N, C-alpha and C. Protein backbone atom coordinates (compact mmCIF):
# COMPACT_ATOMS: atom_id res chain seq x y z
N MET A 1 114.14 80.91 124.04
CA MET A 1 113.18 81.14 123.26
C MET A 1 113.11 81.13 122.13
N GLU A 2 111.90 79.79 121.52
CA GLU A 2 111.73 79.83 119.96
C GLU A 2 110.58 80.68 119.76
N THR A 3 111.28 81.46 118.65
CA THR A 3 110.41 82.38 117.97
C THR A 3 109.48 81.52 116.12
N HIS A 4 108.71 81.56 115.92
CA HIS A 4 108.11 81.37 114.85
C HIS A 4 108.01 82.07 114.14
N ARG A 5 108.29 82.37 112.92
CA ARG A 5 108.12 82.75 111.56
C ARG A 5 106.79 82.29 111.12
N LYS A 6 106.00 84.09 110.61
CA LYS A 6 106.09 84.25 110.01
C LYS A 6 104.76 83.24 108.55
N PRO A 7 103.30 83.24 108.57
CA PRO A 7 103.31 81.82 107.71
C PRO A 7 103.93 82.72 105.86
N LYS A 8 103.90 81.77 105.12
CA LYS A 8 103.80 81.54 103.99
C LYS A 8 103.23 81.30 103.04
N THR A 9 102.65 81.71 102.36
CA THR A 9 101.86 81.93 101.57
C THR A 9 101.99 80.89 100.22
N LEU A 10 101.26 80.37 99.02
CA LEU A 10 100.79 79.92 97.88
C LEU A 10 100.23 80.82 97.53
N ILE A 11 100.64 80.72 95.68
CA ILE A 11 100.23 82.39 94.97
C ILE A 11 98.64 81.16 94.21
N ASP A 12 97.73 81.34 94.71
CA ASP A 12 96.56 80.86 94.24
C ASP A 12 95.99 81.94 93.40
N LEU A 13 94.83 81.47 92.06
CA LEU A 13 93.99 81.61 91.65
C LEU A 13 93.92 83.64 91.97
N GLU A 14 93.18 83.35 92.57
CA GLU A 14 92.74 85.01 92.95
C GLU A 14 93.62 85.72 93.73
N LYS A 15 94.70 85.33 94.71
CA LYS A 15 96.15 86.06 94.57
C LYS A 15 97.09 86.77 93.05
N LEU A 16 97.03 85.32 92.13
CA LEU A 16 97.40 85.82 90.60
C LEU A 16 96.87 86.96 90.61
N ASN A 17 95.48 87.09 90.26
CA ASN A 17 94.99 87.10 89.62
C ASN A 17 95.06 89.03 90.62
N THR A 18 95.28 88.92 91.85
CA THR A 18 95.47 90.25 92.67
C THR A 18 96.84 91.04 92.56
N LEU A 19 97.81 90.04 92.60
CA LEU A 19 99.60 90.40 92.30
C LEU A 19 99.40 90.49 91.39
N GLY A 20 99.33 89.74 90.25
CA GLY A 20 100.28 89.24 88.79
C GLY A 20 100.18 90.46 88.27
N VAL A 21 99.53 91.73 88.23
CA VAL A 21 99.57 93.15 87.41
C VAL A 21 100.80 93.44 87.76
N GLU A 22 100.85 93.83 89.04
CA GLU A 22 101.71 95.08 89.87
C GLU A 22 103.69 94.46 89.97
N GLY A 23 103.12 92.60 89.67
CA GLY A 23 104.69 91.92 90.09
C GLY A 23 105.35 91.87 91.60
N CYS A 24 106.35 91.85 91.50
CA CYS A 24 107.04 91.45 93.30
C CYS A 24 107.92 92.95 93.01
N PRO A 25 107.95 93.85 93.82
CA PRO A 25 108.05 95.44 94.51
C PRO A 25 109.93 94.90 94.45
N ALA A 26 109.94 93.62 95.28
CA ALA A 26 111.32 93.22 95.37
C ALA A 26 112.36 92.71 93.78
N CYS A 27 111.91 92.29 93.82
CA CYS A 27 112.25 92.09 92.16
C CYS A 27 111.71 91.96 91.09
N GLY A 28 110.70 92.61 90.87
CA GLY A 28 110.13 93.48 90.06
C GLY A 28 109.42 91.93 88.60
N ARG A 29 109.69 90.50 89.21
CA ARG A 29 109.31 89.41 89.02
C ARG A 29 107.47 89.17 88.65
N LYS A 30 107.18 89.29 87.81
CA LYS A 30 105.37 88.77 88.31
C LYS A 30 105.34 87.11 88.61
N PHE A 31 104.19 87.22 89.91
CA PHE A 31 104.35 86.02 89.71
C PHE A 31 103.87 84.83 89.46
N GLU A 32 104.05 83.36 89.94
CA GLU A 32 103.21 82.61 88.90
C GLU A 32 102.59 81.77 90.19
N PHE A 33 101.38 80.92 89.74
CA PHE A 33 100.96 80.12 90.06
C PHE A 33 101.42 79.24 90.66
N GLY A 34 101.14 79.41 92.17
CA GLY A 34 101.53 78.14 92.56
C GLY A 34 103.33 78.55 93.33
N GLU A 35 103.71 79.50 93.11
CA GLU A 35 105.03 80.16 94.12
C GLU A 35 104.62 80.57 95.17
N VAL A 36 105.91 79.99 95.83
CA VAL A 36 105.95 80.62 97.70
C VAL A 36 106.15 82.35 97.86
N VAL A 37 105.40 83.38 97.88
CA VAL A 37 105.26 84.29 99.12
C VAL A 37 105.47 84.17 100.18
N VAL A 38 105.76 85.45 100.87
CA VAL A 38 105.95 85.84 101.92
C VAL A 38 105.31 87.62 102.39
N SER A 39 104.80 87.38 103.23
CA SER A 39 104.40 89.03 103.23
C SER A 39 105.65 89.92 103.93
N ALA A 40 106.18 91.07 103.54
CA ALA A 40 107.67 91.68 104.16
C ALA A 40 107.47 93.12 104.02
N CYS A 41 108.47 93.24 104.63
CA CYS A 41 108.45 94.97 104.44
C CYS A 41 109.60 95.35 103.70
N GLY A 42 110.13 96.83 103.37
CA GLY A 42 110.69 96.86 102.32
C GLY A 42 111.04 97.94 102.10
N ASN A 43 111.51 98.43 100.70
CA ASN A 43 111.71 100.38 100.47
C ASN A 43 110.22 100.16 99.67
N TRP A 44 109.52 100.31 100.62
CA TRP A 44 107.88 100.48 100.40
C TRP A 44 106.87 100.75 101.05
N GLU A 45 105.88 101.54 101.73
CA GLU A 45 104.79 101.40 102.85
C GLU A 45 104.71 100.81 103.22
N GLY A 46 104.68 99.72 104.33
CA GLY A 46 103.60 98.72 104.48
C GLY A 46 104.13 97.51 104.27
N GLN A 47 103.21 96.95 104.76
CA GLN A 47 104.05 95.21 104.18
C GLN A 47 103.32 94.90 103.00
N LYS A 48 103.84 93.73 101.53
CA LYS A 48 103.80 93.97 100.79
C LYS A 48 104.19 91.74 100.33
N TYR A 49 103.39 91.18 99.72
CA TYR A 49 104.14 89.78 98.82
C TYR A 49 105.21 89.71 98.26
N ILE A 50 105.76 89.33 98.65
CA ILE A 50 107.64 89.57 97.77
C ILE A 50 107.79 87.75 97.62
N HIS A 51 108.07 87.36 96.70
CA HIS A 51 109.12 85.81 96.69
C HIS A 51 110.08 85.82 97.82
N GLU A 52 109.68 84.74 98.19
CA GLU A 52 110.52 83.92 99.29
C GLU A 52 111.53 83.82 98.90
N ASP A 53 112.37 83.50 97.95
CA ASP A 53 113.66 83.39 98.36
C ASP A 53 113.84 84.94 97.77
N GLU A 54 113.57 86.04 97.83
CA GLU A 54 113.91 87.53 97.83
C GLU A 54 113.62 88.43 99.45
N ALA A 55 113.28 87.50 99.86
CA ALA A 55 113.10 87.65 102.02
C ALA A 55 114.25 87.05 102.75
N THR A 56 114.05 87.76 103.67
CA THR A 56 114.93 88.02 105.14
C THR A 56 114.25 87.90 106.06
N PHE A 57 114.05 86.37 107.28
CA PHE A 57 113.49 86.85 108.08
C PHE A 57 114.24 86.96 109.09
N ASP A 58 113.99 88.16 110.28
CA ASP A 58 114.54 88.45 111.17
C ASP A 58 113.54 87.56 112.94
N GLN A 59 115.04 87.05 113.24
CA GLN A 59 114.24 86.73 114.59
C GLN A 59 113.85 87.62 115.46
N GLU A 60 114.56 88.34 115.86
CA GLU A 60 114.48 90.18 116.47
C GLU A 60 112.95 90.35 116.36
N THR A 61 112.46 90.11 115.33
CA THR A 61 111.73 91.32 114.92
C THR A 61 110.33 90.74 114.42
N ASN A 62 110.49 89.37 114.51
CA ASN A 62 109.54 88.38 114.42
C ASN A 62 108.54 88.92 112.55
N THR A 63 109.85 89.65 111.72
CA THR A 63 109.79 90.19 110.52
C THR A 63 110.39 89.69 109.14
N TYR A 64 109.52 89.74 108.07
CA TYR A 64 110.18 89.37 106.38
C TYR A 64 110.80 90.76 106.30
N TYR A 65 111.42 90.30 105.35
CA TYR A 65 112.19 91.70 104.63
C TYR A 65 112.63 91.19 103.73
N ASP A 66 112.53 92.27 103.14
CA ASP A 66 113.25 92.64 101.39
C ASP A 66 114.90 92.39 101.31
N ARG A 67 115.91 90.97 100.92
CA ARG A 67 117.07 90.53 101.72
C ARG A 67 117.75 91.92 101.53
N ARG A 68 117.43 93.20 100.19
CA ARG A 68 118.74 94.18 100.39
C ARG A 68 117.89 94.85 101.17
N TYR A 69 116.98 95.50 101.09
CA TYR A 69 116.67 96.56 102.40
C TYR A 69 117.35 95.81 103.22
N TYR A 70 117.34 94.94 104.00
CA TYR A 70 117.96 94.28 105.24
C TYR A 70 119.26 94.66 105.51
N GLU A 71 120.19 93.84 104.38
CA GLU A 71 121.06 94.45 104.36
C GLU A 71 121.42 95.59 104.47
N ALA A 72 120.82 96.76 103.35
CA ALA A 72 121.19 98.04 103.61
C ALA A 72 121.17 98.24 105.41
N MET A 73 119.52 97.99 105.68
CA MET A 73 119.39 98.66 107.14
C MET A 73 120.29 98.05 108.36
N LYS A 74 120.80 96.88 107.89
CA LYS A 74 122.06 96.54 109.28
C LYS A 74 122.85 96.94 108.90
N GLU A 75 123.80 97.09 107.74
CA GLU A 75 125.19 97.72 107.15
C GLU A 75 124.55 99.42 108.16
N SER A 76 123.53 100.20 108.17
CA SER A 76 123.11 101.48 107.93
C SER A 76 123.72 101.33 109.56
N SER A 77 123.24 100.18 110.71
CA SER A 77 123.30 100.71 111.95
C SER A 77 124.20 99.67 112.78
N GLY A 78 124.91 99.31 111.89
CA GLY A 78 126.40 98.47 112.74
C GLY A 78 127.19 98.64 112.59
């Protein structure tokens, strides 16, 4: 069975104005125009946009996770 990844998003001017103030919750860096982000779960409530290179995609749940959060989650369960 083939799973499909959730869509990736490019930071446009609207998203930059909205997300630019708080920055990436996974790494703390500010978002820049044209960067690729994904909606991911992590050490925060709900899903938030993070830099694609800070994310891990889990095919079982069809969800992106903050990679550090995902690694800790897998270590604690396994």
